[in-house]
C-alpha atoms as a PDB file:
ATOM      1  CA  UNK A   1      65.922  18.601-115.474  1.00  0.00           C
ATOM      2  CA  UNK A   2      64.450  15.098-115.553  1.00  0.00           C
ATOM      3  CA  UNK A   3      61.212  16.393-117.076  1.00  0.00           C
ATOM      4  CA  UNK A   4      63.097  18.452-119.647  1.00  0.00           C
ATOM      5  CA  UNK A   5      65.245  15.452-120.519  1.00  0.00           C
ATOM      6  CA  UNK A   6      62.197  13.190-120.826  1.00  0.00           C
ATOM      7  CA  UNK A   7      60.423  15.747-123.025  1.00  0.00           C
ATOM      8  CA  UNK A   8      63.517  16.064-125.214  1.00  0.00           C
ATOM      9  CA  UNK A   9      63.715  12.315-125.808  1.00  0.00           C
ATOM     10  CA  UNK A  10      59.968  12.108-126.430  1.00  0.00           C
ATOM     11  CA  UNK A  11      60.211  14.814-129.083  1.00  0.00           C
ATOM     12  CA  UNK A  12      63.295  13.177-130.580  1.00  0.00           C
ATOM     13  CA  UNK A  13      61.666   9.766-130.873  1.00  0.00           C
ATOM     14  CA  UNK A  14      58.501  11.334-132.308  1.00  0.00           C
ATOM     15  CA  UNK A  15      60.255  13.211-135.102  1.00  0.00           C
ATOM     16  CA  UNK A  16      63.128  10.793-135.804  1.00  0.00           C
ATOM     17  CA  UNK A  17      61.133   8.338-138.018  1.00  0.00           C
ATOM     18  CA  UNK A  18      59.883  11.241-140.165  1.00  0.00           C
ATOM     19  CA  UNK A  19      63.371  12.727-140.531  1.00  0.00           C
ATOM     20  CA  UNK A  20      64.936   9.374-141.441  1.00  0.00           C
ATOM     21  CA  UNK A  21      62.188   8.600-143.979  1.00  0.00           C
ATOM     22  CA  UNK A  22      62.550  12.009-145.659  1.00  0.00           C
ATOM     23  CA  UNK A  23      66.334  11.643-145.647  1.00  0.00           C
ATOM     24  CA  UNK A  24      66.195   8.224-147.352  1.00  0.00           C
ATOM     25  CA  UNK A  25      63.766   9.461-150.023  1.00  0.00           C
ATOM     26  CA  UNK A  26      65.926  12.542-150.624  1.00  0.00           C
ATOM     27  CA  UNK A  27      69.067  10.403-150.809  1.00  0.00           C
ATOM     28  CA  UNK A  28      67.533   8.050-153.394  1.00  0.00           C
ATOM     29  CA  UNK A  29      66.174  10.983-155.419  1.00  0.00           C
ATOM     30  CA  UNK A  30      69.581  12.720-155.418  1.00  0.00           C
ATOM     31  CA  UNK A  31      71.225   9.550-156.720  1.00  0.00           C
ATOM     32  CA  UNK A  32      68.705   9.290-159.544  1.00  0.00           C
ATOM     33  CA  UNK A  33      69.132  12.976-160.393  1.00  0.00           C
ATOM     34  CA  UNK A  34      72.912  12.570-160.391  1.00  0.00           C
ATOM     35  CA  UNK A  35      72.622   9.764-162.924  1.00  0.00           C
ATOM     36  CA  UNK A  36      70.443  11.923-165.181  1.00  0.00           C
ATOM     37  CA  UNK A  37      72.253  15.256-164.917  1.00  0.00           C
ATOM     38  CA  UNK A  38      74.515  14.527-167.890  1.00  0.00           C
ATOM     39  CA  UNK A  39      72.051  12.415-169.834  1.00  0.00           C
ATOM     40  CA  UNK A  40      70.929  13.176-173.367  1.00  0.00           C
ATOM     41  CA  UNK A  41      67.600  14.589-172.174  1.00  0.00           C
ATOM     42  CA  UNK A  42      69.063  17.055-169.674  1.00  0.00           C
ATOM     43  CA  UNK A  43      71.764  18.103-172.152  1.00  0.00           C
ATOM     44  CA  UNK A  44      69.121  18.792-174.810  1.00  0.00           C
ATOM     45  CA  UNK A  45      66.963  20.761-172.340  1.00  0.00           C
ATOM     46  CA  UNK A  46      69.949  22.805-171.163  1.00  0.00           C
ATOM     47  CA  UNK A  47      70.930  23.614-174.762  1.00  0.00           C
ATOM     48  CA  UNK A  48      67.368  24.572-175.616  1.00  0.00           C
ATOM     49  CA  UNK A  49      67.027  26.933-172.627  1.00  0.00           C
ATOM     50  CA  UNK A  50      70.418  28.557-173.147  1.00  0.00           C
ATOM     51  CA  UNK A  51      69.469  29.342-176.732  1.00  0.00           C
ATOM     52  CA  UNK A  52      66.992  31.941-175.367  1.00  0.00           C
ATOM     53  CA  UNK A  53      69.370  33.823-173.109  1.00  0.00           C
ATOM     54  CA  UNK A  54      72.567  33.919-171.121  1.00  0.00           C
ATOM     55  CA  UNK A  55      73.293  31.210-168.606  1.00  0.00           C
ATOM     56  CA  UNK A  56      73.652  33.616-165.684  1.00  0.00           C
ATOM     57  CA  UNK A  57      70.194  35.098-166.350  1.00  0.00           C
ATOM     58  CA  UNK A  58      68.469  31.726-166.596  1.00  0.00           C
ATOM     59  CA  UNK A  59      70.526  29.755-164.098  1.00  0.00           C
ATOM     60  CA  UNK A  60      67.791  29.380-161.468  1.00  0.00           C
ATOM     61  CA  UNK A  61      65.004  28.624-163.935  1.00  0.00           C
ATOM     62  CA  UNK A  62      67.249  26.261-165.868  1.00  0.00           C
ATOM     63  CA  UNK A  63      68.128  24.310-162.740  1.00  0.00           C
ATOM     64  CA  UNK A  64      64.486  24.000-161.651  1.00  0.00           C
ATOM     65  CA  UNK A  65      63.347  22.994-165.099  1.00  0.00           C
ATOM     66  CA  UNK A  66      66.155  20.467-165.572  1.00  0.00           C
ATOM     67  CA  UNK A  67      65.404  18.897-162.195  1.00  0.00           C
ATOM     68  CA  UNK A  68      61.743  18.685-163.130  1.00  0.00           C
ATOM     69  CA  UNK A  69      62.550  17.066-166.480  1.00  0.00           C
ATOM     70  CA  UNK A  70      64.970  14.694-164.745  1.00  0.00           C
ATOM     71  CA  UNK A  71      62.257  13.631-162.306  1.00  0.00           C
ATOM     72  CA  UNK A  72      59.782  13.004-165.122  1.00  0.00           C
ATOM     73  CA  UNK A  73      62.499  11.092-166.981  1.00  0.00           C
ATOM     74  CA  UNK A  74      63.055   8.844-163.947  1.00  0.00           C
ATOM     75  CA  UNK A  75      59.334   8.039-163.821  1.00  0.00           C
ATOM     76  CA  UNK A  76      59.223   7.294-167.554  1.00  0.00           C
ATOM     77  CA  UNK A  77      62.329   5.098-167.399  1.00  0.00           C
ATOM     78  CA  UNK A  78      60.875   3.072-164.523  1.00  0.00           C
ATOM     79  CA  UNK A  79      57.594   2.646-166.431  1.00  0.00           C
ATOM     80  CA  UNK A  80      59.481   1.552-169.560  1.00  0.00           C
ATOM     81  CA  UNK A  81      61.614  -0.926-167.590  1.00  0.00           C
ATOM     82  CA  UNK A  82      58.550  -2.306-165.817  1.00  0.00           C
ATOM     83  CA  UNK A  83      56.709  -2.704-169.131  1.00  0.00           C
ATOM     84  CA  UNK A  84      59.721  -4.304-170.796  1.00  0.00           C
ATOM     85  CA  UNK A  85      60.135  -6.823-167.964  1.00  0.00           C
ATOM     86  CA  UNK A  86      56.637  -8.108-168.686  1.00  0.00           C
ATOM     87  CA  UNK A  87      57.726  -9.086-172.206  1.00  0.00           C
ATOM     88  CA  UNK A  88      59.046 -12.662-172.414  1.00  0.00           C
ATOM     89  CA  UNK A  89      62.356 -11.739-174.078  1.00  0.00           C
ATOM     90  CA  UNK A  90      63.186  -8.989-171.578  1.00  0.00           C
ATOM     91  CA  UNK A  91      62.051 -11.202-168.700  1.00  0.00           C
ATOM     92  CA  UNK A  92      64.590 -13.848-169.728  1.00  0.00           C
ATOM     93  CA  UNK A  93      67.247 -11.152-170.145  1.00  0.00           C
ATOM     94  CA  UNK A  94      66.515  -9.822-166.648  1.00  0.00           C
ATOM     95  CA  UNK A  95      66.701 -13.336-165.208  1.00  0.00           C
ATOM     96  CA  UNK A  96      70.065 -13.900-166.899  1.00  0.00           C
ATOM     97  CA  UNK A  97      71.385 -10.560-165.598  1.00  0.00           C
ATOM     98  CA  UNK A  98      70.210 -11.432-162.085  1.00  0.00           C
ATOM     99  CA  UNK A  99      72.053 -14.775-162.166  1.00  0.00           C
ATOM    100  CA  UNK A 100      75.160 -12.975-163.422  1.00  0.00           C
ATOM    101  CA  UNK A 101      75.098 -10.394-160.614  1.00  0.00           C
ATOM    102  CA  UNK A 102      74.639 -13.092-157.971  1.00  0.00           C
ATOM    103  CA  UNK A 103      77.943 -14.692-159.032  1.00  0.00           C
ATOM    104  CA  UNK A 104      80.011 -11.531-158.410  1.00  0.00           C
ATOM    105  CA  UNK A 105      81.984 -11.907-155.145  1.00  0.00           C
ATOM    106  CA  UNK A 106      81.079  -9.526-152.275  1.00  0.00           C
ATOM    107  CA  UNK A 107      78.633  -7.621-154.506  1.00  0.00           C
ATOM    108  CA  UNK A 108      76.374 -10.673-154.662  1.00  0.00           C
ATOM    109  CA  UNK A 109      75.809 -10.750-150.881  1.00  0.00           C
ATOM    110  CA  UNK A 110      74.689  -7.105-150.719  1.00  0.00           C
ATOM    111  CA  UNK A 111      72.651  -7.359-153.922  1.00  0.00           C
ATOM    112  CA  UNK A 112      70.878 -10.574-152.878  1.00  0.00           C
ATOM    113  CA  UNK A 113      69.985  -9.222-149.432  1.00  0.00           C
ATOM    114  CA  UNK A 114      68.567  -5.959-150.793  1.00  0.00           C
ATOM    115  CA  UNK A 115      66.675  -7.798-153.523  1.00  0.00           C
ATOM    116  CA  UNK A 116      65.128 -10.202-151.008  1.00  0.00           C
ATOM    117  CA  UNK A 117      64.079  -7.406-148.664  1.00  0.00           C
ATOM    118  CA  UNK A 118      62.516  -5.404-151.522  1.00  0.00           C
ATOM    119  CA  UNK A 119      60.699  -8.516-152.758  1.00  0.00           C
ATOM    120  CA  UNK A 120      59.366  -9.132-149.268  1.00  0.00           C
ATOM    121  CA  UNK A 121      58.150  -5.545-148.917  1.00  0.00           C
ATOM    122  CA  UNK A 122      56.479  -5.500-152.332  1.00  0.00           C
ATOM    123  CA  UNK A 123      55.045  -9.008-152.185  1.00  0.00           C
ATOM    124  CA  UNK A 124      51.468  -9.780-151.217  1.00  0.00           C
ATOM    125  CA  UNK A 125      52.289 -11.084-147.764  1.00  0.00           C
ATOM    126  CA  UNK A 126      48.630 -11.364-146.766  1.00  0.00           C
ATOM    127  CA  UNK A 127      48.254 -14.203-149.289  1.00  0.00           C
ATOM    128  CA  UNK A 128      51.658 -15.835-148.792  1.00  0.00           C
ATOM    129  CA  UNK A 129      51.438 -15.709-144.993  1.00  0.00           C
ATOM    130  CA  UNK A 130      47.945 -16.645-143.891  1.00  0.00           C
ATOM    131  CA  UNK A 131      48.304 -16.223-140.123  1.00  0.00           C
ATOM    132  CA  UNK A 132      50.869 -15.389-137.455  1.00  0.00           C
ATOM    133  CA  UNK A 133      51.448 -18.408-135.240  1.00  0.00           C
ATOM    134  CA  UNK A 134      53.437 -19.460-132.199  1.00  0.00           C
ATOM    135  CA  UNK A 135      55.005 -22.893-131.805  1.00  0.00           C
ATOM    136  CA  UNK A 136      57.434 -24.561-129.443  1.00  0.00           C
ATOM    137  CA  UNK A 137      60.603 -24.615-131.529  1.00  0.00           C
ATOM    138  CA  UNK A 138      63.430 -25.637-131.577  1.00  0.00           C
ATOM    139  CA  UNK A 139      62.581 -27.453-128.320  1.00  0.00           C
ATOM    140  CA  UNK A 140      59.991 -27.559-125.566  1.00  0.00           C
ATOM    141  CA  UNK A 141      59.872 -24.401-123.482  1.00  0.00           C
ATOM    142  CA  UNK A 142      61.199 -22.152-126.268  1.00  0.00           C
ATOM    143  CA  UNK A 143      58.569 -20.397-128.384  1.00  0.00           C
ATOM    144  CA  UNK A 144      59.125 -19.152-131.920  1.00  0.00           C
ATOM    145  CA  UNK A 145      56.920 -16.824-133.958  1.00  0.00           C
ATOM    146  CA  UNK A 146      56.255 -17.937-137.494  1.00  0.00           C
ATOM    147  CA  UNK A 147      53.803 -17.709-140.365  1.00  0.00           C
ATOM    148  CA  UNK A 148      51.233 -20.258-141.423  1.00  0.00           C
ATOM    149  CA  UNK A 149      51.722 -20.815-145.145  1.00  0.00           C
ATOM    150  CA  UNK A 150      49.319 -23.716-145.623  1.00  0.00           C
ATOM    151  CA  UNK A 151      46.826 -25.650-143.523  1.00  0.00           C
ATOM    152  CA  UNK A 152      47.503 -29.178-144.602  1.00  0.00           C
ATOM    153  CA  UNK A 153      50.376 -31.022-146.269  1.00  0.00           C
ATOM    154  CA  UNK A 154      49.138 -34.181-147.965  1.00  0.00           C
ATOM    155  CA  UNK A 155      52.684 -35.415-148.646  1.00  0.00           C
ATOM    156  CA  UNK A 156      53.504 -35.577-144.929  1.00  0.00           C
ATOM    157  CA  UNK A 157      49.958 -36.448-143.838  1.00  0.00           C
ATOM    158  CA  UNK A 158      50.086 -39.675-145.871  1.00  0.00           C
ATOM    159  CA  UNK A 159      52.845 -40.853-143.530  1.00  0.00           C
ATOM    160  CA  UNK A 160      51.783 -39.331-140.199  1.00  0.00           C
ATOM    161  CA  UNK A 161      48.037 -39.920-140.637  1.00  0.00           C
ATOM    162  CA  UNK A 162      47.487 -36.585-138.832  1.00  0.00           C
ATOM    163  CA  UNK A 163      46.566 -33.053-139.927  1.00  0.00           C
ATOM    164  CA  UNK A 164      49.762 -31.089-140.497  1.00  0.00           C
ATOM    165  CA  UNK A 165      50.527 -27.406-141.104  1.00  0.00           C
ATOM    166  CA  UNK A 166      53.283 -25.721-143.108  1.00  0.00           C
ATOM    167  CA  UNK A 167      55.076 -23.103-141.001  1.00  0.00           C
ATOM    168  CA  UNK A 168      57.781 -20.648-142.018  1.00  0.00           C
ATOM    169  CA  UNK A 169      59.926 -19.408-139.141  1.00  0.00           C
ATOM    170  CA  UNK A 170      61.908 -16.299-140.237  1.00  0.00           C
ATOM    171  CA  UNK A 171      65.254 -15.274-138.801  1.00  0.00           C
ATOM    172  CA  UNK A 172      65.985 -11.913-137.177  1.00  0.00           C
ATOM    173  CA  UNK A 173      66.773  -9.262-138.363  1.00  0.00           C
ATOM    174  CA  UNK A 174      66.495 -10.578-141.948  1.00  0.00           C
ATOM    175  CA  UNK A 175      63.016 -12.135-142.278  1.00  0.00           C
ATOM    176  CA  UNK A 176      63.624 -13.267-145.871  1.00  0.00           C
ATOM    177  CA  UNK A 177      65.569 -16.282-144.619  1.00  0.00           C
ATOM    178  CA  UNK A 178      64.487 -18.839-142.078  1.00  0.00           C
ATOM    179  CA  UNK A 179      63.296 -22.387-141.479  1.00  0.00           C
ATOM    180  CA  UNK A 180      60.427 -24.249-143.112  1.00  0.00           C
ATOM    181  CA  UNK A 181      58.891 -26.900-140.860  1.00  0.00           C
ATOM    182  CA  UNK A 182      55.834 -29.129-140.932  1.00  0.00           C
ATOM    183  CA  UNK A 183      54.123 -29.511-137.563  1.00  0.00           C
ATOM    184  CA  UNK A 184      50.936 -31.022-136.168  1.00  0.00           C
ATOM    185  CA  UNK A 185      47.977 -28.664-136.331  1.00  0.00           C
ATOM    186  CA  UNK A 186      47.227 -29.219-132.639  1.00  0.00           C
ATOM    187  CA  UNK A 187      50.677 -27.848-131.751  1.00  0.00           C
ATOM    188  CA  UNK A 188      50.107 -24.583-133.637  1.00  0.00           C
ATOM    189  CA  UNK A 189      48.719 -21.614-131.738  1.00  0.00           C
ATOM    190  CA  UNK A 190      47.370 -18.731-133.831  1.00  0.00           C
ATOM    191  CA  UNK A 191      48.247 -15.259-132.518  1.00  0.00           C
ATOM    192  CA  UNK A 192      46.005 -12.198-132.731  1.00  0.00           C
ATOM    193  CA  UNK A 193      48.599 -10.224-134.681  1.00  0.00           C
ATOM    194  CA  UNK A 194      48.817  -8.746-138.174  1.00  0.00           C
ATOM    195  CA  UNK A 195      51.455 -10.066-140.567  1.00  0.00           C
ATOM    196  CA  UNK A 196      53.054  -6.629-140.940  1.00  0.00           C
ATOM    197  CA  UNK A 197      53.287  -6.237-137.157  1.00  0.00           C
ATOM    198  CA  UNK A 198      54.948  -9.633-136.871  1.00  0.00           C
ATOM    199  CA  UNK A 199      57.503  -8.717-139.545  1.00  0.00           C
ATOM    200  CA  UNK A 200      58.322  -5.468-137.726  1.00  0.00           C
ATOM    201  CA  UNK A 201      58.725  -7.432-134.509  1.00  0.00           C
ATOM    202  CA  UNK A 202      61.132  -9.870-136.161  1.00  0.00           C
ATOM    203  CA  UNK A 203      63.183  -7.225-137.994  1.00  0.00           C
ATOM    204  CA  UNK A 204      63.612  -5.200-134.796  1.00  0.00           C
ATOM    205  CA  UNK A 205      64.671  -8.251-132.820  1.00  0.00           C
ATOM    206  CA  UNK A 206      61.677  -7.943-130.511  1.00  0.00           C
ATOM    207  CA  UNK A 207      62.067  -4.220-129.847  1.00  0.00           C
ATOM    208  CA  UNK A 208      59.004  -3.031-131.801  1.00  0.00           C
ATOM    209  CA  UNK A 209      56.001  -4.695-130.178  1.00  0.00           C
ATOM    210  CA  UNK A 210      52.514  -4.395-131.685  1.00  0.00           C
ATOM    211  CA  UNK A 211      50.049  -2.127-129.900  1.00  0.00           C
ATOM    212  CA  UNK A 212      48.317  -3.937-127.071  1.00  0.00           C
ATOM    213  CA  UNK A 213      44.600  -4.292-127.699  1.00  0.00           C
ATOM    214  CA  UNK A 214      42.232  -3.389-124.875  1.00  0.00           C
ATOM    215  CA  UNK A 215      39.922  -6.149-123.751  1.00  0.00           C
END
């Protein structure tokens, strides 16, 4: 029974990430399709198809075709929005809308968190975060994992007369917030870890450790 139980959990943990990923993609796609089901495009397509026959005879084909058109419409809308946001006028409009949404009570907290997480995922972290580092913070004997954002800070170095480093220490489980500190370079220890692995480690609260490299 112990072997069967262990095999069951091994299979569950192996397939669970795939199932959850597929479920999330399907959930997002269903929401987008729901928004487009009664749109002008789908209404026009439905009217066009029904003009060639009865609804009961073309129900399956109509549904497949409408879903296909809806999917293409989603792609086109996203491309149009992305193109429009590159234009100065629409960029200012989007910035104004973002500031307006942030002021809405309760909604602003959820919206800001999701926006920050998406920005973190889509950002070029390899350039923003140069290296994964370990420092003694907030006191001696306690080690925190952070990201080296810049080697050198001339503003602080003019006062300390020592080489300083800019370090961002993210919070767990939301790595978009955290502490920015400036610390002596000699007190910074670079870790042999990828930025993405460090972010996974922080989001999971230390549960997801990077794969141990063989010496």
